[in-house]
Amino acid sequence: MRNKLLLVLLIPMAALSGCDKVNNASRTFDTMMGGDYKVYVQGIDEPFSVNDGKVTSVPDKGYYVYYPTIEGKERLVQSPIQITTIIKMD
């Protein structure tokens, strides 16, 4: 009985940790890809344009880091992962 209970508790934990690894891997994959991106952040009307750059994720801290062109200059922007949508343009 005790072994069955332990097994019932461990299977969901393993499944959830596996999903987290997939999510982290996909975020890491975004980090390795360069190119042109449109970055939409909830609450900001205009998307940010990242030209010939990359969007780096910091999953442990919960945000993306990127350098969009704002008023003709590249500027550092950090946005929360939960409210950010990234679209590859090229």
PDB file of N, CA and C in Angstrom:
ATOM      1  N   MET A   1       0.825  -1.198   0.000  1.00  0.00           N
ATOM      2  CA  MET A   1       0.000   0.000   0.000  1.00  0.00           C
ATOM      3  C   MET A   1       0.873   1.267   0.000  1.00  0.00           C
ATOM      4  N   ARG A   2       1.888   1.237   0.823  1.00  0.00           N
ATOM      5  CA  ARG A   2       2.761   2.392   0.940  1.00  0.00           C
ATOM      6  C   ARG A   2       3.518   2.643  -0.376  1.00  0.00           C
ATOM      7  N   ASN A   3       3.951   1.566  -1.037  1.00  0.00           N
ATOM      8  CA  ASN A   3       4.658   1.705  -2.302  1.00  0.00           C
ATOM      9  C   ASN A   3       3.742   2.261  -3.385  1.00  0.00           C
ATOM     10  N   LYS A   4       2.473   1.848  -3.374  1.00  0.00           N
ATOM     11  CA  LYS A   4       1.517   2.361  -4.360  1.00  0.00           C
ATOM     12  C   LYS A   4       1.289   3.851  -4.157  1.00  0.00           C
ATOM     13  N   LEU A   5       1.180   4.268  -2.925  1.00  0.00           N
ATOM     14  CA  LEU A   5       0.987   5.689  -2.631  1.00  0.00           C
ATOM     15  C   LEU A   5       2.198   6.496  -3.091  1.00  0.00           C
ATOM     16  N   LEU A   6       3.387   5.985  -2.820  1.00  0.00           N
ATOM     17  CA  LEU A   6       4.600   6.657  -3.244  1.00  0.00           C
ATOM     18  C   LEU A   6       4.655   6.760  -4.765  1.00  0.00           C
ATOM     19  N   LEU A   7       4.276   5.696  -5.448  1.00  0.00           N
ATOM     20  CA  LEU A   7       4.263   5.674  -6.903  1.00  0.00           C
ATOM     21  C   LEU A   7       3.254   6.674  -7.459  1.00  0.00           C
ATOM     22  N   VAL A   8       2.088   6.751  -6.829  1.00  0.00           N
ATOM     23  CA  VAL A   8       1.050   7.686  -7.266  1.00  0.00           C
ATOM     24  C   VAL A   8       1.524   9.129  -7.108  1.00  0.00           C
ATOM     25  N   LEU A   9       2.318   9.407  -6.118  1.00  0.00           N
ATOM     26  CA  LEU A   9       2.827  10.763  -5.909  1.00  0.00           C
ATOM     27  C   LEU A   9       4.007  11.080  -6.827  1.00  0.00           C
ATOM     28  N   LEU A  10       4.834  10.117  -7.129  1.00  0.00           N
ATOM     29  CA  LEU A  10       6.026  10.364  -7.930  1.00  0.00           C
ATOM     30  C   LEU A  10       5.745  10.528  -9.418  1.00  0.00           C
ATOM     31  N   ILE A  11       4.759   9.816  -9.948  1.00  0.00           N
ATOM     32  CA  ILE A  11       4.473   9.890 -11.382  1.00  0.00           C
ATOM     33  C   ILE A  11       4.058  11.301 -11.802  1.00  0.00           C
ATOM     34  N   PRO A  12       3.110  11.949 -11.125  1.00  0.00           N
ATOM     35  CA  PRO A  12       2.772  13.324 -11.534  1.00  0.00           C
ATOM     36  C   PRO A  12       3.945  14.295 -11.380  1.00  0.00           C
ATOM     37  N   MET A  13       4.757  14.106 -10.355  1.00  0.00           N
ATOM     38  CA  MET A  13       5.910  14.985 -10.165  1.00  0.00           C
ATOM     39  C   MET A  13       6.897  14.824 -11.317  1.00  0.00           C
ATOM     40  N   ALA A  14       7.118  13.607 -11.741  1.00  0.00           N
ATOM     41  CA  ALA A  14       8.033  13.366 -12.861  1.00  0.00           C
ATOM     42  C   ALA A  14       7.474  13.953 -14.147  1.00  0.00           C
ATOM     43  N   ALA A  15       6.174  13.812 -14.345  1.00  0.00           N
ATOM     44  CA  ALA A  15       5.552  14.358 -15.556  1.00  0.00           C
ATOM     45  C   ALA A  15       5.646  15.881 -15.576  1.00  0.00           C
ATOM     46  N   LEU A  16       5.387  16.505 -14.443  1.00  0.00           N
ATOM     47  CA  LEU A  16       5.463  17.964 -14.381  1.00  0.00           C
ATOM     48  C   LEU A  16       6.880  18.476 -14.568  1.00  0.00           C
ATOM     49  N   SER A  17       7.840  17.809 -13.988  1.00  0.00           N
ATOM     50  CA  SER A  17       9.217  18.261 -14.165  1.00  0.00           C
ATOM     51  C   SER A  17       9.655  18.053 -15.602  1.00  0.00           C
ATOM     52  N   GLY A  18       9.141  17.039 -16.272  1.00  0.00           N
ATOM     53  CA  GLY A  18       9.442  16.822 -17.684  1.00  0.00           C
ATOM     54  C   GLY A  18       8.899  17.950 -18.540  1.00  0.00           C
ATOM     55  N   CYS A  19       7.685  18.408 -18.256  1.00  0.00           N
ATOM     56  CA  CYS A  19       7.092  19.517 -19.004  1.00  0.00           C
ATOM     57  C   CYS A  19       7.919  20.780 -18.817  1.00  0.00           C
ATOM     58  N   ASP A  20       8.368  21.006 -17.598  1.00  0.00           N
ATOM     59  CA  ASP A  20       9.170  22.193 -17.329  1.00  0.00           C
ATOM     60  C   ASP A  20      10.471  22.149 -18.125  1.00  0.00           C
ATOM     61  N   LYS A  21      11.062  20.978 -18.244  1.00  0.00           N
ATOM     62  CA  LYS A  21      12.296  20.845 -19.026  1.00  0.00           C
ATOM     63  C   LYS A  21      12.037  21.149 -20.496  1.00  0.00           C
ATOM     64  N   VAL A  22      10.879  20.711 -21.022  1.00  0.00           N
ATOM     65  CA  VAL A  22      10.531  21.008 -22.411  1.00  0.00           C
ATOM     66  C   VAL A  22      10.355  22.510 -22.594  1.00  0.00           C
ATOM     67  N   ASN A  23       9.651  23.160 -21.661  1.00  0.00           N
ATOM     68  CA  ASN A  23       9.456  24.608 -21.748  1.00  0.00           C
ATOM     69  C   ASN A  23      10.788  25.343 -21.688  1.00  0.00           C
ATOM     70  N   ASN A  24      11.653  24.936 -20.760  1.00  0.00           N
ATOM     71  CA  ASN A  24      12.966  25.583 -20.661  1.00  0.00           C
ATOM     72  C   ASN A  24      13.788  25.343 -21.917  1.00  0.00           C
ATOM     73  N   ALA A  25      13.694  24.145 -22.494  1.00  0.00           N
ATOM     74  CA  ALA A  25      14.448  23.851 -23.707  1.00  0.00           C
ATOM     75  C   ALA A  25      13.961  24.720 -24.863  1.00  0.00           C
ATOM     76  N   SER A  26      12.650  24.915 -24.972  1.00  0.00           N
ATOM     77  CA  SER A  26      12.146  25.745 -26.067  1.00  0.00           C
ATOM     78  C   SER A  26      12.543  27.192 -25.866  1.00  0.00           C
ATOM     79  N   ARG A  27      12.584  27.660 -24.642  1.00  0.00           N
ATOM     80  CA  ARG A  27      13.049  29.030 -24.390  1.00  0.00           C
ATOM     81  C   ARG A  27      14.531  29.153 -24.706  1.00  0.00           C
ATOM     82  N   THR A  28      15.316  28.142 -24.363  1.00  0.00           N
ATOM     83  CA  THR A  28      16.735  28.157 -24.675  1.00  0.00           C
ATOM     84  C   THR A  28      16.936  28.147 -26.175  1.00  0.00           C
ATOM     85  N   PHE A  29      16.098  27.410 -26.895  1.00  0.00           N
ATOM     86  CA  PHE A  29      16.184  27.357 -28.346  1.00  0.00           C
ATOM     87  C   PHE A  29      15.951  28.743 -28.933  1.00  0.00           C
ATOM     88  N   ASP A  30      15.002  29.508 -28.385  1.00  0.00           N
ATOM     89  CA  ASP A  30      14.781  30.881 -28.835  1.00  0.00           C
ATOM     90  C   ASP A  30      16.041  31.715 -28.631  1.00  0.00           C
ATOM     91  N   THR A  31      16.745  31.475 -27.547  1.00  0.00           N
ATOM     92  CA  THR A  31      17.953  32.218 -27.240  1.00  0.00           C
ATOM     93  C   THR A  31      19.019  31.980 -28.298  1.00  0.00           C
ATOM     94  N   MET A  32      19.107  30.778 -28.821  1.00  0.00           N
ATOM     95  CA  MET A  32      20.159  30.427 -29.763  1.00  0.00           C
ATOM     96  C   MET A  32      19.863  30.922 -31.174  1.00  0.00           C
ATOM     97  N   MET A  33      18.625  31.257 -31.460  1.00  0.00           N
ATOM     98  CA  MET A  33      18.254  31.687 -32.802  1.00  0.00           C
ATOM     99  C   MET A  33      18.411  33.198 -32.940  1.00  0.00           C
ATOM    100  N   GLY A  34      18.991  33.616 -34.031  1.00  0.00           N
ATOM    101  CA  GLY A  34      19.107  35.036 -34.316  1.00  0.00           C
ATOM    102  C   GLY A  34      18.162  35.399 -35.440  1.00  0.00           C
ATOM    103  N   GLY A  35      17.950  36.674 -35.648  1.00  0.00           N
ATOM    104  CA  GLY A  35      17.098  37.102 -36.740  1.00  0.00           C
ATOM    105  C   GLY A  35      16.282  38.323 -36.382  1.00  0.00           C
ATOM    106  N   ASP A  36      15.177  38.471 -37.077  1.00  0.00           N
ATOM    107  CA  ASP A  36      14.275  39.598 -36.867  1.00  0.00           C
ATOM    108  C   ASP A  36      13.034  39.111 -36.122  1.00  0.00           C
ATOM    109  N   TYR A  37      12.635  39.863 -35.105  1.00  0.00           N
ATOM    110  CA  TYR A  37      11.496  39.486 -34.271  1.00  0.00           C
ATOM    111  C   TYR A  37      10.590  40.686 -34.040  1.00  0.00           C
ATOM    112  N   LYS A  38       9.318  40.406 -33.863  1.00  0.00           N
ATOM    113  CA  LYS A  38       8.364  41.371 -33.308  1.00  0.00           C
ATOM    114  C   LYS A  38       8.034  40.847 -31.914  1.00  0.00           C
ATOM    115  N   VAL A  39       8.159  41.703 -30.914  1.00  0.00           N
ATOM    116  CA  VAL A  39       7.899  41.306 -29.535  1.00  0.00           C
ATOM    117  C   VAL A  39       6.715  42.107 -29.025  1.00  0.00           C
ATOM    118  N   TYR A  40       5.640  41.397 -28.731  1.00  0.00           N
ATOM    119  CA  TYR A  40       4.428  42.015 -28.213  1.00  0.00           C
ATOM    120  C   TYR A  40       4.378  41.818 -26.709  1.00  0.00           C
ATOM    121  N   VAL A  41       4.184  42.916 -25.981  1.00  0.00           N
ATOM    122  CA  VAL A  41       4.076  42.867 -24.531  1.00  0.00           C
ATOM    123  C   VAL A  41       2.686  43.372 -24.157  1.00  0.00           C
ATOM    124  N   GLN A  42       1.971  42.571 -23.391  1.00  0.00           N
ATOM    125  CA  GLN A  42       0.623  42.940 -22.971  1.00  0.00           C
ATOM    126  C   GLN A  42       0.657  44.288 -22.249  1.00  0.00           C
ATOM    127  N   GLY A  43      -0.236  45.185 -22.640  1.00  0.00           N
ATOM    128  CA  GLY A  43      -0.307  46.505 -22.023  1.00  0.00           C
ATOM    129  C   GLY A  43       0.463  47.575 -22.779  1.00  0.00           C
ATOM    130  N   ILE A  44       1.244  47.182 -23.790  1.00  0.00           N
ATOM    131  CA  ILE A  44       1.979  48.136 -24.617  1.00  0.00           C
ATOM    132  C   ILE A  44       1.416  48.032 -26.027  1.00  0.00           C
ATOM    133  N   ASP A  45       0.957  49.154 -26.567  1.00  0.00           N
ATOM    134  CA  ASP A  45       0.245  49.150 -27.852  1.00  0.00           C
ATOM    135  C   ASP A  45       1.108  48.719 -29.032  1.00  0.00           C
ATOM    136  N   GLU A  46       2.291  49.263 -29.150  1.00  0.00           N
ATOM    137  CA  GLU A  46       3.155  48.977 -30.300  1.00  0.00           C
ATOM    138  C   GLU A  46       4.116  47.835 -29.968  1.00  0.00           C
ATOM    139  N   PRO A  47       4.319  46.912 -30.908  1.00  0.00           N
ATOM    140  CA  PRO A  47       5.309  45.851 -30.664  1.00  0.00           C
ATOM    141  C   PRO A  47       6.725  46.408 -30.779  1.00  0.00           C
ATOM    142  N   PHE A  48       7.652  45.745 -30.113  1.00  0.00           N
ATOM    143  CA  PHE A  48       9.065  46.088 -30.235  1.00  0.00           C
ATOM    144  C   PHE A  48       9.624  45.348 -31.448  1.00  0.00           C
ATOM    145  N   SER A  49      10.529  45.973 -32.181  1.00  0.00           N
ATOM    146  CA  SER A  49      11.176  45.347 -33.332  1.00  0.00           C
ATOM    147  C   SER A  49      12.620  45.044 -32.995  1.00  0.00           C
ATOM    148  N   VAL A  50      12.969  43.762 -33.055  1.00  0.00           N
ATOM    149  CA  VAL A  50      14.352  43.339 -32.848  1.00  0.00           C
ATOM    150  C   VAL A  50      14.871  42.962 -34.228  1.00  0.00           C
ATOM    151  N   ASN A  51      15.828  43.725 -34.744  1.00  0.00           N
ATOM    152  CA  ASN A  51      16.360  43.515 -36.083  1.00  0.00           C
ATOM    153  C   ASN A  51      17.754  42.915 -36.009  1.00  0.00           C
ATOM    154  N   ASP A  52      17.919  41.771 -36.675  1.00  0.00           N
ATOM    155  CA  ASP A  52      19.185  41.067 -36.724  1.00  0.00           C
ATOM    156  C   ASP A  52      19.780  40.902 -35.321  1.00  0.00           C
ATOM    157  N   GLY A  53      18.953  40.436 -34.395  1.00  0.00           N
ATOM    158  CA  GLY A  53      19.386  40.239 -33.017  1.00  0.00           C
ATOM    159  C   GLY A  53      18.822  38.954 -32.472  1.00  0.00           C
ATOM    160  N   LYS A  54      18.718  38.876 -31.166  1.00  0.00           N
ATOM    161  CA  LYS A  54      18.146  37.700 -30.543  1.00  0.00           C
ATOM    162  C   LYS A  54      17.359  38.106 -29.312  1.00  0.00           C
ATOM    163  N   VAL A  55      16.467  37.208 -28.911  1.00  0.00           N
ATOM    164  CA  VAL A  55      15.696  37.385 -27.687  1.00  0.00           C
ATOM    165  C   VAL A  55      16.181  36.307 -26.729  1.00  0.00           C
ATOM    166  N   THR A  56      16.705  36.732 -25.603  1.00  0.00           N
ATOM    167  CA  THR A  56      17.269  35.807 -24.625  1.00  0.00           C
ATOM    168  C   THR A  56      16.286  35.619 -23.485  1.00  0.00           C
ATOM    169  N   SER A  57      16.064  34.362 -23.104  1.00  0.00           N
ATOM    170  CA  SER A  57      15.169  34.109 -21.982  1.00  0.00           C
ATOM    171  C   SER A  57      15.980  33.844 -20.728  1.00  0.00           C
ATOM    172  N   VAL A  58      15.418  34.256 -19.616  1.00  0.00           N
ATOM    173  CA  VAL A  58      15.977  33.975 -18.301  1.00  0.00           C
ATOM    174  C   VAL A  58      14.858  33.315 -17.507  1.00  0.00           C
ATOM    175  N   PRO A  59      14.608  32.000 -17.778  1.00  0.00           N
ATOM    176  CA  PRO A  59      13.451  31.340 -17.178  1.00  0.00           C
ATOM    177  C   PRO A  59      13.471  31.309 -15.649  1.00  0.00           C
ATOM    178  N   ASP A  60      14.657  31.239 -15.056  1.00  0.00           N
ATOM    179  CA  ASP A  60      14.730  31.209 -13.596  1.00  0.00           C
ATOM    180  C   ASP A  60      14.208  32.504 -12.974  1.00  0.00           C
ATOM    181  N   LYS A  61      14.391  33.609 -13.682  1.00  0.00           N
ATOM    182  CA  LYS A  61      13.934  34.900 -13.172  1.00  0.00           C
ATOM    183  C   LYS A  61      12.614  35.330 -13.789  1.00  0.00           C
ATOM    184  N   GLY A  62      12.195  34.646 -14.874  1.00  0.00           N
ATOM    185  CA  GLY A  62      10.868  34.883 -15.436  1.00  0.00           C
ATOM    186  C   GLY A  62      10.758  36.026 -16.427  1.00  0.00           C
ATOM    187  N   TYR A  63      11.827  36.335 -17.153  1.00  0.00           N
ATOM    188  CA  TYR A  63      11.709  37.409 -18.135  1.00  0.00           C
ATOM    189  C   TYR A  63      12.553  37.147 -19.381  1.00  0.00           C
ATOM    190  N   TYR A  64      12.232  37.898 -20.434  1.00  0.00           N
ATOM    191  CA  TYR A  64      13.018  37.913 -21.661  1.00  0.00           C
ATOM    192  C   TYR A  64      13.863  39.177 -21.678  1.00  0.00           C
ATOM    193  N   VAL A  65      15.034  39.105 -22.301  1.00  0.00           N
ATOM    194  CA  VAL A  65      15.917  40.255 -22.486  1.00  0.00           C
ATOM    195  C   VAL A  65      16.163  40.391 -23.984  1.00  0.00           C
ATOM    196  N   TYR A  66      16.022  41.605 -24.510  1.00  0.00           N
ATOM    197  CA  TYR A  66      16.243  41.840 -25.932  1.00  0.00           C
ATOM    198  C   TYR A  66      16.575  43.313 -26.152  1.00  0.00           C
ATOM    199  N   TYR A  67      17.101  43.593 -27.348  1.00  0.00           N
ATOM    200  CA  TYR A  67      17.521  44.943 -27.699  1.00  0.00           C
ATOM    201  C   TYR A  67      16.756  45.416 -28.926  1.00  0.00           C
ATOM    202  N   PRO A  68      15.553  45.953 -28.740  1.00  0.00           N
ATOM    203  CA  PRO A  68      14.804  46.474 -29.892  1.00  0.00           C
ATOM    204  C   PRO A  68      15.306  47.860 -30.283  1.00  0.00           C
ATOM    205  N   THR A  69      14.939  48.247 -31.489  1.00  0.00           N
ATOM    206  CA  THR A  69      15.247  49.601 -31.956  1.00  0.00           C
ATOM    207  C   THR A  69      14.114  50.520 -31.522  1.00  0.00           C
ATOM    208  N   ILE A  70      14.442  51.485 -30.671  1.00  0.00           N
ATOM    209  CA  ILE A  70      13.470  52.457 -30.162  1.00  0.00           C
ATOM    210  C   ILE A  70      14.022  53.847 -30.468  1.00  0.00           C
ATOM    211  N   GLU A  71      13.264  54.627 -31.237  1.00  0.00           N
ATOM    212  CA  GLU A  71      13.674  55.967 -31.640  1.00  0.00           C
ATOM    213  C   GLU A  71      15.061  55.957 -32.287  1.00  0.00           C
ATOM    214  N   GLY A  72      15.314  54.946 -33.127  1.00  0.00           N
ATOM    215  CA  GLY A  72      16.553  54.881 -33.877  1.00  0.00           C
ATOM    216  C   GLY A  72      17.748  54.297 -33.148  1.00  0.00           C
ATOM    217  N   LYS A  73      17.596  53.903 -31.881  1.00  0.00           N
ATOM    218  CA  LYS A  73      18.706  53.356 -31.106  1.00  0.00           C
ATOM    219  C   LYS A  73      18.314  52.002 -30.519  1.00  0.00           C
ATOM    220  N   GLU A  74      19.299  51.098 -30.399  1.00  0.00           N
ATOM    221  CA  GLU A  74      19.047  49.828 -29.731  1.00  0.00           C
ATOM    222  C   GLU A  74      19.047  50.066 -28.230  1.00  0.00           C
ATOM    223  N   ARG A  75      17.989  49.604 -27.582  1.00  0.00           N
ATOM    224  CA  ARG A  75      17.858  49.803 -26.137  1.00  0.00           C
ATOM    225  C   ARG A  75      17.544  48.468 -25.466  1.00  0.00           C
ATOM    226  N   LEU A  76      18.025  48.295 -24.249  1.00  0.00           N
ATOM    227  CA  LEU A  76      17.769  47.094 -23.476  1.00  0.00           C
ATOM    228  C   LEU A  76      16.336  47.100 -22.958  1.00  0.00           C
ATOM    229  N   VAL A  77      15.626  45.995 -23.181  1.00  0.00           N
ATOM    230  CA  VAL A  77      14.270  45.847 -22.655  1.00  0.00           C
ATOM    231  C   VAL A  77      14.169  44.475 -22.001  1.00  0.00           C
ATOM    232  N   GLN A  78      13.520  44.427 -20.835  1.00  0.00           N
ATOM    233  CA  GLN A  78      13.200  43.173 -20.168  1.00  0.00           C
ATOM    234  C   GLN A  78      11.695  43.124 -20.028  1.00  0.00           C
ATOM    235  N   SER A  79      11.097  41.984 -20.364  1.00  0.00           N
ATOM    236  CA  SER A  79       9.650  41.853 -20.206  1.00  0.00           C
ATOM    237  C   SER A  79       9.323  40.489 -19.620  1.00  0.00           C
ATOM    238  N   PRO A  80       8.292  40.415 -18.785  1.00  0.00           N
ATOM    239  CA  PRO A  80       7.908  39.145 -18.160  1.00  0.00           C
ATOM    240  C   PRO A  80       7.503  38.103 -19.210  1.00  0.00           C
ATOM    241  N   ILE A  81       7.939  36.883 -19.025  1.00  0.00           N
ATOM    242  CA  ILE A  81       7.641  35.801 -19.954  1.00  0.00           C
ATOM    243  C   ILE A  81       6.131  35.600 -20.102  1.00  0.00           C
ATOM    244  N   GLN A  82       5.379  35.700 -19.006  1.00  0.00           N
ATOM    245  CA  GLN A  82       3.947  35.415 -19.023  1.00  0.00           C
ATOM    246  C   GLN A  82       3.151  36.355 -19.905  1.00  0.00           C
ATOM    247  N   ILE A  83       3.611  37.581 -20.106  1.00  0.00           N
ATOM    248  CA  ILE A  83       2.822  38.551 -20.875  1.00  0.00           C
ATOM    249  C   ILE A  83       3.509  38.967 -22.178  1.00  0.00           C
ATOM    250  N   THR A  84       4.492  38.167 -22.620  1.00  0.00           N
ATOM    251  CA  THR A  84       5.252  38.498 -23.818  1.00  0.00           C
ATOM    252  C   THR A  84       5.016  37.457 -24.898  1.00  0.00           C
ATOM    253  N   THR A  85       4.778  37.937 -26.131  1.00  0.00           N
ATOM    254  CA  THR A  85       4.645  37.061 -27.296  1.00  0.00           C
ATOM    255  C   THR A  85       5.703  37.459 -28.299  1.00  0.00           C
ATOM    256  N   ILE A  86       6.453  36.464 -28.773  1.00  0.00           N
ATOM    257  CA  ILE A  86       7.549  36.722 -29.707  1.00  0.00           C
ATOM    258  C   ILE A  86       7.209  36.065 -31.034  1.00  0.00           C
ATOM    259  N   ILE A  87       7.315  36.843 -32.119  1.00  0.00           N
ATOM    260  CA  ILE A  87       7.031  36.328 -33.465  1.00  0.00           C
ATOM    261  C   ILE A  87       8.274  36.536 -34.314  1.00  0.00           C
ATOM    262  N   LYS A  88       8.783  35.432 -34.882  1.00  0.00           N
ATOM    263  CA  LYS A  88       9.948  35.508 -35.765  1.00  0.00           C
ATOM    264  C   LYS A  88       9.470  36.008 -37.118  1.00  0.00           C
ATOM    265  N   MET A  89      10.137  37.035 -37.639  1.00  0.00           N
ATOM    266  CA  MET A  89       9.677  37.686 -38.868  1.00  0.00           C
ATOM    267  C   MET A  89      10.391  37.183 -40.124  1.00  0.00           C
ATOM    268  N   ASP A  90      11.582  36.627 -40.016  1.00  0.00           N
ATOM    269  CA  ASP A  90      12.291  36.177 -41.218  1.00  0.00           C
ATOM    270  C   ASP A  90      12.315  34.672 -41.340  1.00  0.00           C
TER     271      ASP A  90
END
